[in-house]
Amino acid sequence: MSQEPSIGDVVVAVAGGLTDARDLLNRLDGVAGDGDLGLTASRAAEALVELAPTLAGLPASDALKAIGMTLARRSPSTGGTLIAFACLAAARVEPVADQSPVAAAAGLLEAARDEIARRGKVQPGDRTMLDALAPAAAAFREGADAGSDVAACLAAAAAAADGGATSTIDMDATTGRAGWLADRARGHEDAGARLIAVIFAAAASAAGET
């Protein structure tokens, strides 16, 4: 049986993915936004690298709370704040007795998904990061229910997030600045959705290497 990645391993991998995607995210965000999502992601990556060593041995709830608070302080943009809220919502999920770690992780992703929908007042199809996160959470849950290990669940979630991000190319923007510039946004991926896909791809890579 493969060893599950530590939270620190995943956080460092995600930081690397965010750094590598800086220019892509800036370009996508510049189509109908401020063009600075990549900069926000880079600031988040720096903060996560600093935070990672302190997460060793922490319960998932405490680690997620620390991540959420760090992101709220260090990358206080719209996207960064939404992801911070998502982490904090996941941190508040009460553990279920006799639940496997993979099933518990599925519940955390679902809490994060629901918080972004609530805070952003969006639903799938609105051309936001939720269009990547919702299918990723569903794919992870499907894998968990089937008894897959965390690496397989993350791989499925990463593929679903990638497909969700790609699907935003054909969607009409309805929220935020992109909603005002829907004609410019059409035909391009939503930057927030691609950000979520980058996060899941990095997490899946970390899991696959352990």
Protein backbone atom coordinates (compact mmCIF):
# COMPACT_ATOMS: atom_id res chain seq x y z
CA MET A 1 0.00 0.00 0.00
CA SER A 2 1.37 3.41 -0.91
CA GLN A 3 2.13 5.91 1.82
CA GLU A 4 -0.27 8.82 2.02
CA PRO A 5 1.34 12.25 1.50
CA SER A 6 1.63 14.50 4.52
CA ILE A 7 -0.17 17.82 4.56
CA GLY A 8 3.22 19.51 4.40
CA ASP A 9 4.13 17.53 1.26
CA VAL A 10 0.93 18.58 -0.44
CA VAL A 11 1.28 22.22 0.61
CA VAL A 12 4.82 22.45 -0.77
CA ALA A 13 3.74 20.79 -4.01
CA VAL A 14 0.82 23.19 -4.37
CA ALA A 15 3.15 26.12 -3.76
CA GLY A 16 5.37 24.90 -6.57
CA GLY A 17 2.42 24.50 -8.90
CA LEU A 18 1.20 28.01 -8.14
CA THR A 19 4.64 29.47 -8.79
CA ASP A 20 4.95 27.65 -12.11
CA ALA A 21 1.49 28.83 -13.18
CA ARG A 22 2.08 32.51 -12.38
CA ASP A 23 2.32 33.77 -15.96
CA LEU A 24 -0.56 31.60 -17.17
CA LEU A 25 -2.85 32.82 -14.40
CA ASN A 26 -1.89 36.46 -15.01
CA ARG A 27 -2.63 36.04 -18.71
CA LEU A 28 -6.00 34.41 -18.16
CA ASP A 29 -6.95 36.94 -15.51
CA GLY A 30 -5.95 39.79 -17.80
CA VAL A 31 -8.54 38.82 -20.41
CA ALA A 32 -11.42 40.25 -18.38
CA GLY A 33 -9.94 40.92 -14.96
CA ASP A 34 -7.12 42.77 -13.24
CA GLY A 35 -4.41 40.49 -14.59
CA ASP A 36 -2.88 39.89 -11.19
CA LEU A 37 -4.11 36.44 -10.16
CA GLY A 38 -0.69 34.99 -10.86
CA LEU A 39 0.89 37.54 -8.54
CA THR A 40 -1.63 36.62 -5.87
CA ALA A 41 -0.81 32.95 -6.41
CA SER A 42 2.91 33.67 -6.10
CA ARG A 43 2.40 35.46 -2.80
CA ALA A 44 0.31 32.55 -1.59
CA ALA A 45 3.04 30.12 -2.67
CA GLU A 46 5.69 31.97 -0.68
CA ALA A 47 3.47 31.95 2.40
CA LEU A 48 2.68 28.25 2.01
CA VAL A 49 6.35 27.28 1.74
CA GLU A 50 7.04 29.14 4.98
CA LEU A 51 4.04 27.54 6.67
CA ALA A 52 4.59 23.94 5.55
CA PRO A 53 7.19 22.92 8.21
CA THR A 54 4.84 24.01 10.99
CA LEU A 55 2.05 21.67 9.83
CA ALA A 56 3.82 18.40 10.68
CA GLY A 57 1.81 16.36 13.16
CA LEU A 58 -1.17 18.69 13.23
CA PRO A 59 -4.71 17.33 12.93
CA ALA A 60 -6.26 18.14 9.56
CA SER A 61 -8.58 20.72 11.13
CA ASP A 62 -5.71 22.65 12.72
CA ALA A 63 -3.61 22.47 9.55
CA LEU A 64 -6.48 23.73 7.41
CA LYS A 65 -7.17 26.55 9.84
CA ALA A 66 -3.52 27.59 9.72
CA ILE A 67 -3.55 27.49 5.91
CA GLY A 68 -6.75 29.51 5.73
CA MET A 69 -5.52 32.17 8.14
CA THR A 70 -2.20 32.42 6.33
CA LEU A 71 -3.83 32.85 2.93
CA ALA A 72 -6.22 35.46 4.31
CA ARG A 73 -3.27 37.49 5.60
CA ARG A 74 -0.78 36.99 2.81
CA SER A 75 -2.89 36.90 -0.38
CA PRO A 76 -5.95 39.04 0.38
CA SER A 77 -7.37 39.22 -3.16
CA THR A 78 -10.83 38.00 -4.12
CA GLY A 79 -9.52 34.60 -5.18
CA GLY A 80 -7.16 34.26 -2.25
CA THR A 81 -9.84 35.24 0.22
CA LEU A 82 -12.34 32.75 -1.22
CA ILE A 83 -9.83 29.92 -0.94
CA ALA A 84 -8.98 31.04 2.59
CA PHE A 85 -12.68 30.88 3.53
CA ALA A 86 -12.90 27.44 1.89
CA CYS A 87 -10.00 26.15 4.01
CA LEU A 88 -11.52 27.59 7.17
CA ALA A 89 -14.88 26.00 6.38
CA ALA A 90 -13.20 22.64 5.87
CA ALA A 91 -11.41 23.09 9.19
CA ARG A 92 -14.77 23.36 10.95
CA VAL A 93 -16.05 20.00 9.70
CA GLU A 94 -16.67 17.69 12.63
CA PRO A 95 -14.91 14.31 12.35
CA VAL A 96 -17.12 11.25 11.90
CA ALA A 97 -16.40 8.18 13.99
CA ASP A 98 -14.92 5.22 12.11
CA GLN A 99 -14.64 7.20 8.90
CA SER A 100 -11.64 6.47 6.69
CA PRO A 101 -9.14 9.29 6.08
CA VAL A 102 -10.05 9.32 2.38
CA ALA A 103 -13.77 9.63 3.11
CA ALA A 104 -13.00 12.37 5.62
CA ALA A 105 -10.99 14.23 2.98
CA ALA A 106 -13.97 13.99 0.61
CA GLY A 107 -16.10 15.70 3.25
CA LEU A 108 -13.55 18.48 3.62
CA LEU A 109 -13.57 19.14 -0.12
CA GLU A 110 -17.35 19.25 -0.13
CA ALA A 111 -17.33 21.78 2.70
CA ALA A 112 -14.83 23.90 0.78
CA ARG A 113 -16.99 23.68 -2.35
CA ASP A 114 -20.13 24.71 -0.48
CA GLU A 115 -18.37 27.64 1.19
CA ILE A 116 -17.11 29.04 -2.11
CA ALA A 117 -20.60 28.72 -3.57
CA ARG A 118 -22.08 30.50 -0.56
CA ARG A 119 -19.49 33.24 -0.22
CA GLY A 120 -19.27 33.89 -3.93
CA LYS A 121 -23.02 33.56 -4.46
CA VAL A 122 -22.33 31.33 -7.46
CA GLN A 123 -23.25 27.92 -8.79
CA PRO A 124 -21.70 25.61 -11.40
CA GLY A 125 -22.08 27.15 -14.83
CA ASP A 126 -21.42 30.71 -13.67
CA ARG A 127 -17.84 30.57 -15.00
CA THR A 128 -15.97 30.73 -11.71
CA MET A 129 -13.53 28.59 -9.74
CA LEU A 130 -16.54 26.54 -8.64
CA ASP A 131 -16.71 25.06 -12.14
CA ALA A 132 -13.43 23.28 -11.41
CA LEU A 133 -13.91 22.67 -7.70
CA ALA A 134 -17.39 21.10 -7.89
CA PRO A 135 -16.43 18.32 -10.34
CA ALA A 136 -13.16 17.76 -8.48
CA ALA A 137 -15.00 17.27 -5.18
CA ALA A 138 -17.51 14.95 -6.87
CA ALA A 139 -14.74 12.86 -8.44
CA PHE A 140 -12.89 12.59 -5.14
CA ARG A 141 -16.07 11.50 -3.36
CA GLU A 142 -16.80 8.90 -6.04
CA GLY A 143 -13.32 7.46 -5.61
CA ALA A 144 -13.58 7.49 -1.83
CA ASP A 145 -16.93 5.68 -1.93
CA ALA A 146 -15.40 3.08 -4.25
CA GLY A 147 -12.57 2.43 -1.79
CA SER A 148 -9.79 4.10 -3.80
CA ASP A 149 -6.73 5.41 -2.01
CA VAL A 150 -5.95 9.11 -1.71
CA ALA A 151 -3.57 9.13 -4.68
CA ALA A 152 -6.22 7.69 -6.98
CA CYS A 153 -8.87 10.05 -5.63
CA LEU A 154 -6.63 13.05 -6.15
CA ALA A 155 -5.74 11.94 -9.66
CA ALA A 156 -9.45 11.67 -10.50
CA ALA A 157 -10.13 15.03 -8.88
CA ALA A 158 -7.29 16.66 -10.82
CA ALA A 159 -8.63 15.32 -14.11
CA ALA A 160 -12.12 16.54 -13.24
CA ALA A 161 -10.83 19.98 -12.23
CA ASP A 162 -8.91 20.26 -15.49
CA GLY A 163 -12.00 19.35 -17.47
CA GLY A 164 -14.06 21.80 -15.44
CA ALA A 165 -11.61 24.62 -16.08
CA THR A 166 -11.58 23.86 -19.80
CA SER A 167 -15.38 23.87 -19.88
CA THR A 168 -15.44 27.52 -18.81
CA ILE A 169 -14.14 28.49 -22.26
CA ASP A 170 -17.68 28.13 -23.61
CA MET A 171 -19.45 29.71 -20.63
CA ASP A 172 -20.77 33.25 -20.32
CA ALA A 173 -19.40 35.12 -17.32
CA THR A 174 -22.09 36.34 -14.94
CA THR A 175 -20.18 37.61 -11.89
CA GLY A 176 -17.48 40.12 -11.06
CA ARG A 177 -15.57 42.15 -13.59
CA ALA A 178 -15.70 39.29 -16.08
CA GLY A 179 -19.49 39.60 -15.97
CA TRP A 180 -19.20 43.19 -17.16
CA LEU A 181 -16.82 42.11 -19.92
CA ALA A 182 -18.52 38.87 -20.91
CA ASP A 183 -17.72 39.28 -24.60
CA ARG A 184 -14.01 39.55 -23.83
CA ALA A 185 -14.10 36.61 -21.45
CA ARG A 186 -15.87 34.27 -23.85
CA GLY A 187 -13.50 31.87 -25.56
CA HIS A 188 -10.97 31.91 -22.72
CA GLU A 189 -10.68 29.79 -19.60
CA ASP A 190 -11.74 31.33 -16.33
CA ALA A 191 -8.58 32.15 -14.38
CA GLY A 192 -10.05 31.08 -11.04
CA ALA A 193 -11.11 27.73 -12.42
CA ARG A 194 -7.64 27.15 -13.84
CA LEU A 195 -6.19 28.11 -10.43
CA ILE A 196 -8.21 25.31 -8.83
CA ALA A 197 -7.06 22.88 -11.53
CA VAL A 198 -3.43 23.84 -10.84
CA ILE A 199 -3.91 23.17 -7.13
CA PHE A 200 -5.40 19.73 -7.70
CA ALA A 201 -2.78 18.79 -10.29
CA ALA A 202 0.00 19.65 -7.85
CA ALA A 203 -1.67 17.78 -4.98
CA ALA A 204 -2.18 14.72 -7.19
CA SER A 205 1.48 14.83 -8.24
CA ALA A 206 2.58 14.93 -4.59
CA ALA A 207 0.35 11.97 -3.76
CA GLY A 208 1.59 9.99 -6.73
CA GLU A 209 5.21 10.44 -5.70
CA THR A 210 4.80 9.13 -2.13
